[in-house]
């Protein structure tokens, strides 16, 4: 991931003045927070550049200087991913800097940009690496209306497939794709395999340390207010361990979430629960015990999801 072209990162932005005579918050909030964090760390810009390069991220010292001075602003997906790694190097809580780069939410517009991966995965580096290689420029111009998961468990108690349907609406023009991230249940397992697609076509696919990330192109380019549906299937090849949960990690706000887990009717779990977690750093909090129906299925629904983790877990006899 390279961001060596200082002039290409973003136009040099003059600090606009508001009516009170102070600088507008868009650049100065981020640049001020970055500058303070660098000063508190005692690291030089060259040291930061070296540490980023050791993690596979190429950012010049000049670009870092422009960022902290407010002369330019990280905008490209790889630049924002680099800022997430800077948070780790500077020992800042996840989101301290990246949250300041999110587009401000307009009245009536859902969401405020994706949640930082460090809040959803204990080691976000594989996710940051993959996302830096994909085009997420449409993220802030999409509203997630619905996400539906159907997770199949076989008679051997191992995962079979996950079918995902997403319904999105464009909040801007020229929106043509969505990016998805999934991972294996166990870090040592191979990532899921992307299978059948409906209402969309495959873009770039990346794999990293048990994760898979991919672009899905809509059937048409969306204008503001247009909606699109994408549906895809993930398979779980190999000799997987017995599965005991399914969860969804929300990088974006979602108006409606539905998760269905289907068990083989001859091999049903003894107990099943719903759980929630605000971030990956907190333990699962069981919020309800769920009834497994005569068809072998169980489901949960959520409305107005702002982010975090929701899932189902079960106990085998």
C-alpha atoms as a PDB file:
ATOM      1  CA  UNK A   1       0.000   0.000   0.000  1.00  0.00           C
ATOM      2  CA  UNK A   2       1.741   3.177  -1.148  1.00  0.00           C
ATOM      3  CA  UNK A   3       0.946   6.841  -0.596  1.00  0.00           C
ATOM      4  CA  UNK A   4       4.241   8.355  -1.614  1.00  0.00           C
ATOM      5  CA  UNK A   5       2.762  10.924  -4.026  1.00  0.00           C
ATOM      6  CA  UNK A   6       2.304  13.905  -1.727  1.00  0.00           C
ATOM      7  CA  UNK A   7       0.543  16.084  -4.257  1.00  0.00           C
ATOM      8  CA  UNK A   8      -1.718  13.227  -5.374  1.00  0.00           C
ATOM      9  CA  UNK A   9      -3.048  12.393  -1.931  1.00  0.00           C
ATOM     10  CA  UNK A  10      -5.404  15.353  -1.850  1.00  0.00           C
ATOM     11  CA  UNK A  11      -5.393  18.971  -2.946  1.00  0.00           C
ATOM     12  CA  UNK A  12      -3.679  21.290  -0.540  1.00  0.00           C
ATOM     13  CA  UNK A  13      -6.593  22.720   1.338  1.00  0.00           C
ATOM     14  CA  UNK A  14      -6.542  26.280   2.594  1.00  0.00           C
ATOM     15  CA  UNK A  15      -8.008  26.400   6.051  1.00  0.00           C
ATOM     16  CA  UNK A  16     -11.418  27.922   5.576  1.00  0.00           C
ATOM     17  CA  UNK A  17     -12.608  30.486   8.099  1.00  0.00           C
ATOM     18  CA  UNK A  18     -16.058  30.368   9.615  1.00  0.00           C
ATOM     19  CA  UNK A  19     -18.152  33.331  10.608  1.00  0.00           C
ATOM     20  CA  UNK A  20     -16.442  33.630  13.986  1.00  0.00           C
ATOM     21  CA  UNK A  21     -13.034  33.884  12.337  1.00  0.00           C
ATOM     22  CA  UNK A  22     -11.820  30.463  13.517  1.00  0.00           C
ATOM     23  CA  UNK A  23     -10.821  27.662  11.194  1.00  0.00           C
ATOM     24  CA  UNK A  24     -13.527  25.256  10.039  1.00  0.00           C
ATOM     25  CA  UNK A  25     -13.451  21.881  11.797  1.00  0.00           C
ATOM     26  CA  UNK A  26     -13.135  19.537   8.798  1.00  0.00           C
ATOM     27  CA  UNK A  27      -9.345  19.563   8.484  1.00  0.00           C
ATOM     28  CA  UNK A  28      -8.260  21.095  11.776  1.00  0.00           C
ATOM     29  CA  UNK A  29     -10.006  18.553  14.040  1.00  0.00           C
ATOM     30  CA  UNK A  30      -8.128  15.703  12.401  1.00  0.00           C
ATOM     31  CA  UNK A  31      -4.846  17.528  11.886  1.00  0.00           C
ATOM     32  CA  UNK A  32      -4.862  18.877  15.438  1.00  0.00           C
ATOM     33  CA  UNK A  33      -5.540  15.452  16.932  1.00  0.00           C
ATOM     34  CA  UNK A  34      -2.811  13.879  14.798  1.00  0.00           C
ATOM     35  CA  UNK A  35      -0.307  16.592  15.615  1.00  0.00           C
ATOM     36  CA  UNK A  36      -0.979  16.270  19.364  1.00  0.00           C
ATOM     37  CA  UNK A  37      -0.685  12.478  19.253  1.00  0.00           C
ATOM     38  CA  UNK A  38       2.643  12.661  17.398  1.00  0.00           C
ATOM     39  CA  UNK A  39       4.003  15.214  19.852  1.00  0.00           C
ATOM     40  CA  UNK A  40       2.919  13.093  22.829  1.00  0.00           C
ATOM     41  CA  UNK A  41       4.517   9.987  21.330  1.00  0.00           C
ATOM     42  CA  UNK A  42       7.939  11.595  20.996  1.00  0.00           C
ATOM     43  CA  UNK A  43       8.330  10.035  17.533  1.00  0.00           C
ATOM     44  CA  UNK A  44       9.623  11.934  14.538  1.00  0.00           C
ATOM     45  CA  UNK A  45       7.830  11.873  11.210  1.00  0.00           C
ATOM     46  CA  UNK A  46      10.682   9.828   9.786  1.00  0.00           C
ATOM     47  CA  UNK A  47      10.296   7.290  12.610  1.00  0.00           C
ATOM     48  CA  UNK A  48       6.584   7.038  11.883  1.00  0.00           C
ATOM     49  CA  UNK A  49       7.296   6.565   8.186  1.00  0.00           C
ATOM     50  CA  UNK A  50       9.713   3.729   9.022  1.00  0.00           C
ATOM     51  CA  UNK A  51       7.251   1.991  11.350  1.00  0.00           C
ATOM     52  CA  UNK A  52       4.496   2.226   8.767  1.00  0.00           C
ATOM     53  CA  UNK A  53       6.804   0.794   6.114  1.00  0.00           C
ATOM     54  CA  UNK A  54       7.614  -2.138   8.424  1.00  0.00           C
ATOM     55  CA  UNK A  55       3.890  -2.929   8.373  1.00  0.00           C
ATOM     56  CA  UNK A  56       3.745  -2.788   4.593  1.00  0.00           C
ATOM     57  CA  UNK A  57       2.376   0.766   4.345  1.00  0.00           C
ATOM     58  CA  UNK A  58       4.251   3.399   2.336  1.00  0.00           C
ATOM     59  CA  UNK A  59       3.539   6.947   3.464  1.00  0.00           C
ATOM     60  CA  UNK A  60       6.143   9.657   3.009  1.00  0.00           C
ATOM     61  CA  UNK A  61       7.224  11.940   5.834  1.00  0.00           C
ATOM     62  CA  UNK A  62       6.056  14.864   3.688  1.00  0.00           C
ATOM     63  CA  UNK A  63       2.532  13.404   3.502  1.00  0.00           C
ATOM     64  CA  UNK A  64       2.487  12.946   7.295  1.00  0.00           C
ATOM     65  CA  UNK A  65       3.602  16.565   7.636  1.00  0.00           C
ATOM     66  CA  UNK A  66       0.789  17.724   5.356  1.00  0.00           C
ATOM     67  CA  UNK A  67      -1.742  15.694   7.349  1.00  0.00           C
ATOM     68  CA  UNK A  68      -0.724  17.048  10.740  1.00  0.00           C
ATOM     69  CA  UNK A  69      -0.437  20.592   9.379  1.00  0.00           C
ATOM     70  CA  UNK A  70      -3.882  20.564   7.750  1.00  0.00           C
ATOM     71  CA  UNK A  71      -2.476  21.102   4.243  1.00  0.00           C
ATOM     72  CA  UNK A  72      -4.091  17.877   2.982  1.00  0.00           C
ATOM     73  CA  UNK A  73      -6.528  15.298   4.279  1.00  0.00           C
ATOM     74  CA  UNK A  74      -6.533  11.476   3.967  1.00  0.00           C
ATOM     75  CA  UNK A  75      -9.329  10.599   1.565  1.00  0.00           C
ATOM     76  CA  UNK A  76      -8.468   7.473  -0.409  1.00  0.00           C
ATOM     77  CA  UNK A  77      -9.271   4.073   1.130  1.00  0.00           C
ATOM     78  CA  UNK A  78      -5.585   3.167   1.487  1.00  0.00           C
ATOM     79  CA  UNK A  79      -4.879   6.497   3.164  1.00  0.00           C
ATOM     80  CA  UNK A  80      -7.674   6.014   5.701  1.00  0.00           C
ATOM     81  CA  UNK A  81      -6.438   2.461   6.336  1.00  0.00           C
ATOM     82  CA  UNK A  82      -2.968   3.919   6.978  1.00  0.00           C
ATOM     83  CA  UNK A  83      -4.460   6.285   9.560  1.00  0.00           C
ATOM     84  CA  UNK A  84      -5.938   3.255  11.335  1.00  0.00           C
ATOM     85  CA  UNK A  85      -2.450   1.768  11.591  1.00  0.00           C
ATOM     86  CA  UNK A  86      -1.131   5.110  12.833  1.00  0.00           C
ATOM     87  CA  UNK A  87      -3.592   4.847  15.724  1.00  0.00           C
ATOM     88  CA  UNK A  88      -1.951   1.568  16.720  1.00  0.00           C
ATOM     89  CA  UNK A  89       1.604   2.943  16.428  1.00  0.00           C
ATOM     90  CA  UNK A  90       0.677   6.055  18.430  1.00  0.00           C
ATOM     91  CA  UNK A  91      -1.135   3.860  21.004  1.00  0.00           C
ATOM     92  CA  UNK A  92      -4.462   5.632  20.522  1.00  0.00           C
ATOM     93  CA  UNK A  93      -7.882   4.052  21.081  1.00  0.00           C
ATOM     94  CA  UNK A  94      -9.308   2.703  17.841  1.00  0.00           C
ATOM     95  CA  UNK A  95     -11.254   5.386  16.000  1.00  0.00           C
ATOM     96  CA  UNK A  96      -9.503   8.359  17.653  1.00  0.00           C
ATOM     97  CA  UNK A  97      -8.296   9.636  14.280  1.00  0.00           C
ATOM     98  CA  UNK A  98     -10.356   7.714  11.737  1.00  0.00           C
ATOM     99  CA  UNK A  99     -13.640   8.858  13.262  1.00  0.00           C
ATOM    100  CA  UNK A 100     -12.594  12.440  12.494  1.00  0.00           C
ATOM    101  CA  UNK A 101     -12.378  11.534   8.804  1.00  0.00           C
ATOM    102  CA  UNK A 102     -15.952  10.305   8.541  1.00  0.00           C
ATOM    103  CA  UNK A 103     -18.339  12.431   6.493  1.00  0.00           C
ATOM    104  CA  UNK A 104     -20.639  14.361   8.768  1.00  0.00           C
ATOM    105  CA  UNK A 105     -24.116  12.880   8.860  1.00  0.00           C
ATOM    106  CA  UNK A 106     -26.786  14.998   7.233  1.00  0.00           C
ATOM    107  CA  UNK A 107     -30.204  15.174   8.835  1.00  0.00           C
ATOM    108  CA  UNK A 108     -32.210  12.141   7.799  1.00  0.00           C
ATOM    109  CA  UNK A 109     -29.162  10.268   6.510  1.00  0.00           C
ATOM    110  CA  UNK A 110     -28.397   6.983   8.214  1.00  0.00           C
ATOM    111  CA  UNK A 111     -24.879   6.000   9.152  1.00  0.00           C
ATOM    112  CA  UNK A 112     -21.718   8.027   9.476  1.00  0.00           C
ATOM    113  CA  UNK A 113     -19.073   5.947   7.759  1.00  0.00           C
ATOM    114  CA  UNK A 114     -17.772   2.474   8.543  1.00  0.00           C
ATOM    115  CA  UNK A 115     -16.727   1.410  12.028  1.00  0.00           C
ATOM    116  CA  UNK A 116     -12.987   1.017  12.419  1.00  0.00           C
ATOM    117  CA  UNK A 117     -11.963  -2.663  12.030  1.00  0.00           C
ATOM    118  CA  UNK A 118     -10.111  -2.603  15.379  1.00  0.00           C
ATOM    119  CA  UNK A 119     -13.496  -2.395  17.092  1.00  0.00           C
ATOM    120  CA  UNK A 120     -14.688  -5.544  15.370  1.00  0.00           C
ATOM    121  CA  UNK A 121     -11.625  -7.789  15.098  1.00  0.00           C
ATOM    122  CA  UNK A 122      -8.947  -8.363  17.736  1.00  0.00           C
ATOM    123  CA  UNK A 123      -6.248  -8.172  15.057  1.00  0.00           C
ATOM    124  CA  UNK A 124      -7.468  -5.721  12.407  1.00  0.00           C
ATOM    125  CA  UNK A 125      -4.290  -5.767  10.331  1.00  0.00           C
ATOM    126  CA  UNK A 126      -5.487  -8.374   7.794  1.00  0.00           C
ATOM    127  CA  UNK A 127      -8.716  -6.410   7.323  1.00  0.00           C
ATOM    128  CA  UNK A 128      -6.865  -3.117   6.892  1.00  0.00           C
ATOM    129  CA  UNK A 129      -4.523  -4.734   4.369  1.00  0.00           C
ATOM    130  CA  UNK A 130      -7.390  -6.122   2.282  1.00  0.00           C
ATOM    131  CA  UNK A 131      -9.541  -2.996   2.457  1.00  0.00           C
ATOM    132  CA  UNK A 132      -6.571  -0.936   1.368  1.00  0.00           C
ATOM    133  CA  UNK A 133      -6.488  -2.978  -1.847  1.00  0.00           C
ATOM    134  CA  UNK A 134     -10.197  -2.558  -2.643  1.00  0.00           C
ATOM    135  CA  UNK A 135     -12.252   0.442  -3.736  1.00  0.00           C
ATOM    136  CA  UNK A 136     -14.408   1.611  -0.823  1.00  0.00           C
ATOM    137  CA  UNK A 137     -15.092   5.061  -2.233  1.00  0.00           C
ATOM    138  CA  UNK A 138     -18.822   4.280  -2.329  1.00  0.00           C
ATOM    139  CA  UNK A 139     -19.030   3.454   1.400  1.00  0.00           C
ATOM    140  CA  UNK A 140     -20.029   6.937   2.521  1.00  0.00           C
ATOM    141  CA  UNK A 141     -22.624   7.181  -0.289  1.00  0.00           C
ATOM    142  CA  UNK A 142     -24.513   4.028   0.670  1.00  0.00           C
ATOM    143  CA  UNK A 143     -27.257   3.440   3.194  1.00  0.00           C
ATOM    144  CA  UNK A 144     -27.754  -0.169   4.309  1.00  0.00           C
ATOM    145  CA  UNK A 145     -31.483  -0.821   4.440  1.00  0.00           C
ATOM    146  CA  UNK A 146     -31.351  -4.540   5.226  1.00  0.00           C
ATOM    147  CA  UNK A 147     -28.907  -7.398   5.734  1.00  0.00           C
ATOM    148  CA  UNK A 148     -30.170 -10.991   5.829  1.00  0.00           C
ATOM    149  CA  UNK A 149     -28.002 -14.000   6.737  1.00  0.00           C
ATOM    150  CA  UNK A 150     -28.949 -17.660   6.299  1.00  0.00           C
ATOM    151  CA  UNK A 151     -26.367 -19.944   7.932  1.00  0.00           C
ATOM    152  CA  UNK A 152     -26.556 -23.688   7.259  1.00  0.00           C
ATOM    153  CA  UNK A 153     -25.205 -26.283   9.727  1.00  0.00           C
ATOM    154  CA  UNK A 154     -24.842 -29.892   8.597  1.00  0.00           C
ATOM    155  CA  UNK A 155     -25.658 -33.125  10.383  1.00  0.00           C
ATOM    156  CA  UNK A 156     -21.970 -33.360  11.335  1.00  0.00           C
ATOM    157  CA  UNK A 157     -22.427 -30.059  13.260  1.00  0.00           C
ATOM    158  CA  UNK A 158     -20.031 -28.302  10.913  1.00  0.00           C
ATOM    159  CA  UNK A 159     -20.778 -25.185   8.861  1.00  0.00           C
ATOM    160  CA  UNK A 160     -22.045 -25.730   5.322  1.00  0.00           C
ATOM    161  CA  UNK A 161     -22.810 -22.333   3.827  1.00  0.00           C
ATOM    162  CA  UNK A 162     -23.775 -18.728   4.471  1.00  0.00           C
ATOM    163  CA  UNK A 163     -26.124 -16.918   2.091  1.00  0.00           C
ATOM    164  CA  UNK A 164     -26.151 -13.126   2.489  1.00  0.00           C
ATOM    165  CA  UNK A 165     -28.621 -10.674   0.987  1.00  0.00           C
ATOM    166  CA  UNK A 166     -28.028  -6.927   1.287  1.00  0.00           C
ATOM    167  CA  UNK A 167     -30.369  -4.113   0.276  1.00  0.00           C
ATOM    168  CA  UNK A 168     -28.710  -0.719  -0.093  1.00  0.00           C
ATOM    169  CA  UNK A 169     -29.749   2.754  -1.179  1.00  0.00           C
ATOM    170  CA  UNK A 170     -27.477   5.381  -2.723  1.00  0.00           C
ATOM    171  CA  UNK A 171     -27.204   8.696  -0.904  1.00  0.00           C
ATOM    172  CA  UNK A 172     -25.135  10.143  -3.764  1.00  0.00           C
ATOM    173  CA  UNK A 173     -24.590   9.665  -7.478  1.00  0.00           C
ATOM    174  CA  UNK A 174     -22.341   7.267  -9.418  1.00  0.00           C
ATOM    175  CA  UNK A 175     -22.373   4.460  -6.847  1.00  0.00           C
ATOM    176  CA  UNK A 176     -21.468   1.142  -8.440  1.00  0.00           C
ATOM    177  CA  UNK A 177     -20.269  -1.338  -5.806  1.00  0.00           C
ATOM    178  CA  UNK A 178     -20.265  -2.596  -2.248  1.00  0.00           C
ATOM    179  CA  UNK A 179     -17.443  -4.240  -0.281  1.00  0.00           C
ATOM    180  CA  UNK A 180     -17.925  -7.193   2.090  1.00  0.00           C
ATOM    181  CA  UNK A 181     -15.607  -8.775   4.682  1.00  0.00           C
ATOM    182  CA  UNK A 182     -15.940 -12.215   6.271  1.00  0.00           C
ATOM    183  CA  UNK A 183     -13.658 -14.522   8.199  1.00  0.00           C
ATOM    184  CA  UNK A 184     -13.382 -18.132   9.292  1.00  0.00           C
ATOM    185  CA  UNK A 185     -14.664 -18.971  12.770  1.00  0.00           C
ATOM    186  CA  UNK A 186     -11.211 -20.142  13.874  1.00  0.00           C
ATOM    187  CA  UNK A 187      -8.092 -18.173  12.984  1.00  0.00           C
ATOM    188  CA  UNK A 188      -6.357 -21.335  11.786  1.00  0.00           C
ATOM    189  CA  UNK A 189      -9.136 -22.212   9.303  1.00  0.00           C
ATOM    190  CA  UNK A 190      -8.975 -21.229   5.639  1.00  0.00           C
ATOM    191  CA  UNK A 191     -11.242 -18.326   4.692  1.00  0.00           C
ATOM    192  CA  UNK A 192     -14.727 -18.966   3.294  1.00  0.00           C
ATOM    193  CA  UNK A 193     -14.977 -19.402  -0.468  1.00  0.00           C
ATOM    194  CA  UNK A 194     -17.094 -16.997  -2.506  1.00  0.00           C
ATOM    195  CA  UNK A 195     -19.658 -18.927  -4.535  1.00  0.00           C
ATOM    196  CA  UNK A 196     -22.880 -18.080  -6.350  1.00  0.00           C
ATOM    197  CA  UNK A 197     -23.860 -14.437  -6.865  1.00  0.00           C
ATOM    198  CA  UNK A 198     -27.264 -12.949  -7.638  1.00  0.00           C
ATOM    199  CA  UNK A 199     -28.159  -9.409  -8.782  1.00  0.00           C
ATOM    200  CA  UNK A 200     -24.460  -8.456  -8.895  1.00  0.00           C
ATOM    201  CA  UNK A 201     -21.110  -9.471 -10.337  1.00  0.00           C
ATOM    202  CA  UNK A 202     -17.758 -10.202  -8.766  1.00  0.00           C
ATOM    203  CA  UNK A 203     -15.016  -7.609  -8.483  1.00  0.00           C
ATOM    204  CA  UNK A 204     -11.645  -7.991  -6.816  1.00  0.00           C
ATOM    205  CA  UNK A 205     -11.288 -10.682  -4.137  1.00  0.00           C
ATOM    206  CA  UNK A 206      -8.618 -10.655  -1.424  1.00  0.00           C
ATOM    207  CA  UNK A 207      -7.605 -13.270   1.167  1.00  0.00           C
ATOM    208  CA  UNK A 208      -5.542 -12.670   4.289  1.00  0.00           C
ATOM    209  CA  UNK A 209      -5.051 -14.741   7.468  1.00  0.00           C
ATOM    210  CA  UNK A 210      -8.429 -16.482   7.432  1.00  0.00           C
ATOM    211  CA  UNK A 211     -10.311 -13.446   6.071  1.00  0.00           C
ATOM    212  CA  UNK A 212     -11.932 -12.832   2.719  1.00  0.00           C
ATOM    213  CA  UNK A 213     -12.864  -9.388   1.371  1.00  0.00           C
ATOM    214  CA  UNK A 214     -14.419  -8.694  -2.008  1.00  0.00           C
ATOM    215  CA  UNK A 215     -16.121  -6.113  -4.201  1.00  0.00           C
ATOM    216  CA  UNK A 216     -19.578  -6.714  -5.645  1.00  0.00           C
ATOM    217  CA  UNK A 217     -20.684  -4.586  -8.602  1.00  0.00           C
ATOM    218  CA  UNK A 218     -24.350  -3.669  -8.846  1.00  0.00           C
ATOM    219  CA  UNK A 219     -26.361  -4.473 -11.961  1.00  0.00           C
ATOM    220  CA  UNK A 220     -26.322  -0.753 -12.763  1.00  0.00           C
ATOM    221  CA  UNK A 221     -24.693   2.434 -11.538  1.00  0.00           C
ATOM    222  CA  UNK A 222     -26.888   4.039  -8.881  1.00  0.00           C
ATOM    223  CA  UNK A 223     -27.983   7.653  -8.690  1.00  0.00           C
ATOM    224  CA  UNK A 224     -29.064   9.281  -5.445  1.00  0.00           C
ATOM    225  CA  UNK A 225     -32.134   7.500  -4.060  1.00  0.00           C
ATOM    226  CA  UNK A 226     -31.716   4.351  -6.169  1.00  0.00           C
ATOM    227  CA  UNK A 227     -31.717   0.971  -4.424  1.00  0.00           C
ATOM    228  CA  UNK A 228     -29.864  -2.237  -5.212  1.00  0.00           C
ATOM    229  CA  UNK A 229     -29.904  -5.831  -3.983  1.00  0.00           C
ATOM    230  CA  UNK A 230     -26.858  -8.083  -3.854  1.00  0.00           C
ATOM    231  CA  UNK A 231     -26.894 -11.715  -2.830  1.00  0.00           C
ATOM    232  CA  UNK A 232     -23.916 -14.010  -2.440  1.00  0.00           C
ATOM    233  CA  UNK A 233     -23.066 -17.406  -1.005  1.00  0.00           C
ATOM    234  CA  UNK A 234     -20.018 -18.395   1.006  1.00  0.00           C
ATOM    235  CA  UNK A 235     -18.937 -22.004   1.338  1.00  0.00           C
ATOM    236  CA  UNK A 236     -16.761 -23.523   4.058  1.00  0.00           C
ATOM    237  CA  UNK A 237     -14.360 -25.996   2.436  1.00  0.00           C
ATOM    238  CA  UNK A 238     -12.084 -28.305   4.340  1.00  0.00           C
ATOM    239  CA  UNK A 239     -12.458 -30.239   7.571  1.00  0.00           C
ATOM    240  CA  UNK A 240     -13.870 -27.470   9.739  1.00  0.00           C
ATOM    241  CA  UNK A 241     -14.278 -27.799  13.503  1.00  0.00           C
ATOM    242  CA  UNK A 242     -17.758 -28.155  14.968  1.00  0.00           C
ATOM    243  CA  UNK A 243     -19.547 -24.815  14.793  1.00  0.00           C
ATOM    244  CA  UNK A 244     -21.047 -23.261  17.917  1.00  0.00           C
ATOM    245  CA  UNK A 245     -22.004 -19.754  16.827  1.00  0.00           C
ATOM    246  CA  UNK A 246     -22.776 -17.410  13.972  1.00  0.00           C
ATOM    247  CA  UNK A 247     -22.282 -13.664  14.265  1.00  0.00           C
ATOM    248  CA  UNK A 248     -22.444 -10.538  12.157  1.00  0.00           C
ATOM    249  CA  UNK A 249     -19.916  -7.747  12.647  1.00  0.00           C
ATOM    250  CA  UNK A 250     -21.450  -4.462  11.532  1.00  0.00           C
ATOM    251  CA  UNK A 251     -19.010  -2.015   9.961  1.00  0.00           C
ATOM    252  CA  UNK A 252     -21.966   0.101   8.811  1.00  0.00           C
ATOM    253  CA  UNK A 253     -25.297   1.186  10.241  1.00  0.00           C
ATOM    254  CA  UNK A 254     -28.138  -1.098   9.133  1.00  0.00           C
ATOM    255  CA  UNK A 255     -31.853  -0.405   9.375  1.00  0.00           C
ATOM    256  CA  UNK A 256     -32.868  -4.080   9.568  1.00  0.00           C
ATOM    257  CA  UNK A 257     -30.936  -7.255  10.291  1.00  0.00           C
ATOM    258  CA  UNK A 258     -32.235 -10.812  10.080  1.00  0.00           C
ATOM    259  CA  UNK A 259     -30.155 -13.911  10.840  1.00  0.00           C
ATOM    260  CA  UNK A 260     -31.481 -17.435  10.313  1.00  0.00           C
ATOM    261  CA  UNK A 261     -29.541 -20.523  11.389  1.00  0.00           C
ATOM    262  CA  UNK A 262     -30.725 -23.828   9.948  1.00  0.00           C
ATOM    263  CA  UNK A 263     -29.741 -27.081  11.643  1.00  0.00           C
ATOM    264  CA  UNK A 264     -30.240 -30.613  10.396  1.00  0.00           C
ATOM    265  CA  UNK A 265     -33.535 -31.709  11.945  1.00  0.00           C
ATOM    266  CA  UNK A 266     -31.937 -34.931  13.173  1.00  0.00           C
ATOM    267  CA  UNK A 267     -29.140 -33.088  15.011  1.00  0.00           C
ATOM    268  CA  UNK A 268     -30.462 -30.077  16.944  1.00  0.00           C
ATOM    269  CA  UNK A 269     -28.618 -28.099  19.627  1.00  0.00           C
ATOM    270  CA  UNK A 270     -29.633 -28.470  23.261  1.00  0.00           C
ATOM    271  CA  UNK A 271     -29.791 -24.715  23.919  1.00  0.00           C
ATOM    272  CA  UNK A 272     -29.522 -21.619  21.767  1.00  0.00           C
ATOM    273  CA  UNK A 273     -28.985 -17.965  22.738  1.00  0.00           C
ATOM    274  CA  UNK A 274     -28.731 -14.536  21.196  1.00  0.00           C
ATOM    275  CA  UNK A 275     -25.812 -12.325  22.233  1.00  0.00           C
ATOM    276  CA  UNK A 276     -24.534  -8.805  21.581  1.00  0.00           C
ATOM    277  CA  UNK A 277     -21.172  -7.092  21.864  1.00  0.00           C
ATOM    278  CA  UNK A 278     -20.452  -3.403  21.356  1.00  0.00           C
ATOM    279  CA  UNK A 279     -16.844  -4.157  20.397  1.00  0.00           C
ATOM    280  CA  UNK A 280     -14.613  -7.200  20.132  1.00  0.00           C
ATOM    281  CA  UNK A 281     -12.901  -6.251  23.419  1.00  0.00           C
ATOM    282  CA  UNK A 282     -15.935  -7.031  25.576  1.00  0.00           C
ATOM    283  CA  UNK A 283     -17.292 -10.531  26.304  1.00  0.00           C
ATOM    284  CA  UNK A 284     -20.465 -11.850  24.734  1.00  0.00           C
ATOM    285  CA  UNK A 285     -23.600 -10.720  26.564  1.00  0.00           C
ATOM    286  CA  UNK A 286     -26.466 -13.172  26.229  1.00  0.00           C
ATOM    287  CA  UNK A 287     -29.698 -11.250  25.797  1.00  0.00           C
ATOM    288  CA  UNK A 288     -32.261 -14.002  25.147  1.00  0.00           C
ATOM    289  CA  UNK A 289     -32.703 -17.748  24.922  1.00  0.00           C
ATOM    290  CA  UNK A 290     -34.048 -18.810  21.538  1.00  0.00           C
ATOM    291  CA  UNK A 291     -36.476 -21.533  20.528  1.00  0.00           C
ATOM    292  CA  UNK A 292     -35.323 -23.924  17.818  1.00  0.00           C
ATOM    293  CA  UNK A 293     -38.406 -24.621  15.699  1.00  0.00           C
ATOM    294  CA  UNK A 294     -39.665 -27.973  14.461  1.00  0.00           C
ATOM    295  CA  UNK A 295     -38.135 -27.211  11.057  1.00  0.00           C
ATOM    296  CA  UNK A 296     -34.712 -26.987  12.668  1.00  0.00           C
ATOM    297  CA  UNK A 297     -34.416 -23.224  12.283  1.00  0.00           C
ATOM    298  CA  UNK A 298     -33.843 -20.338  14.680  1.00  0.00           C
ATOM    299  CA  UNK A 299     -33.649 -16.630  13.934  1.00  0.00           C
ATOM    300  CA  UNK A 300     -33.000 -13.192  15.386  1.00  0.00           C
ATOM    301  CA  UNK A 301     -33.909  -9.705  14.156  1.00  0.00           C
ATOM    302  CA  UNK A 302     -32.591  -6.239  14.958  1.00  0.00           C
ATOM    303  CA  UNK A 303     -33.684  -2.786  13.858  1.00  0.00           C
ATOM    304  CA  UNK A 304     -31.622   0.379  13.747  1.00  0.00           C
ATOM    305  CA  UNK A 305     -28.229  -1.262  14.198  1.00  0.00           C
ATOM    306  CA  UNK A 306     -25.566   1.412  14.658  1.00  0.00           C
ATOM    307  CA  UNK A 307     -22.582  -0.967  14.671  1.00  0.00           C
ATOM    308  CA  UNK A 308     -21.014  -3.668  16.800  1.00  0.00           C
ATOM    309  CA  UNK A 309     -21.506  -7.425  16.912  1.00  0.00           C
ATOM    310  CA  UNK A 310     -24.677  -9.521  17.120  1.00  0.00           C
ATOM    311  CA  UNK A 311     -24.869 -13.283  16.986  1.00  0.00           C
ATOM    312  CA  UNK A 312     -26.353 -16.611  17.973  1.00  0.00           C
ATOM    313  CA  UNK A 313     -24.553 -19.317  19.932  1.00  0.00           C
ATOM    314  CA  UNK A 314     -25.661 -22.804  20.823  1.00  0.00           C
ATOM    315  CA  UNK A 315     -24.742 -25.760  22.990  1.00  0.00           C
ATOM    316  CA  UNK A 316     -24.597 -29.296  21.668  1.00  0.00           C
ATOM    317  CA  UNK A 317     -25.588 -32.195  23.918  1.00  0.00           C
END
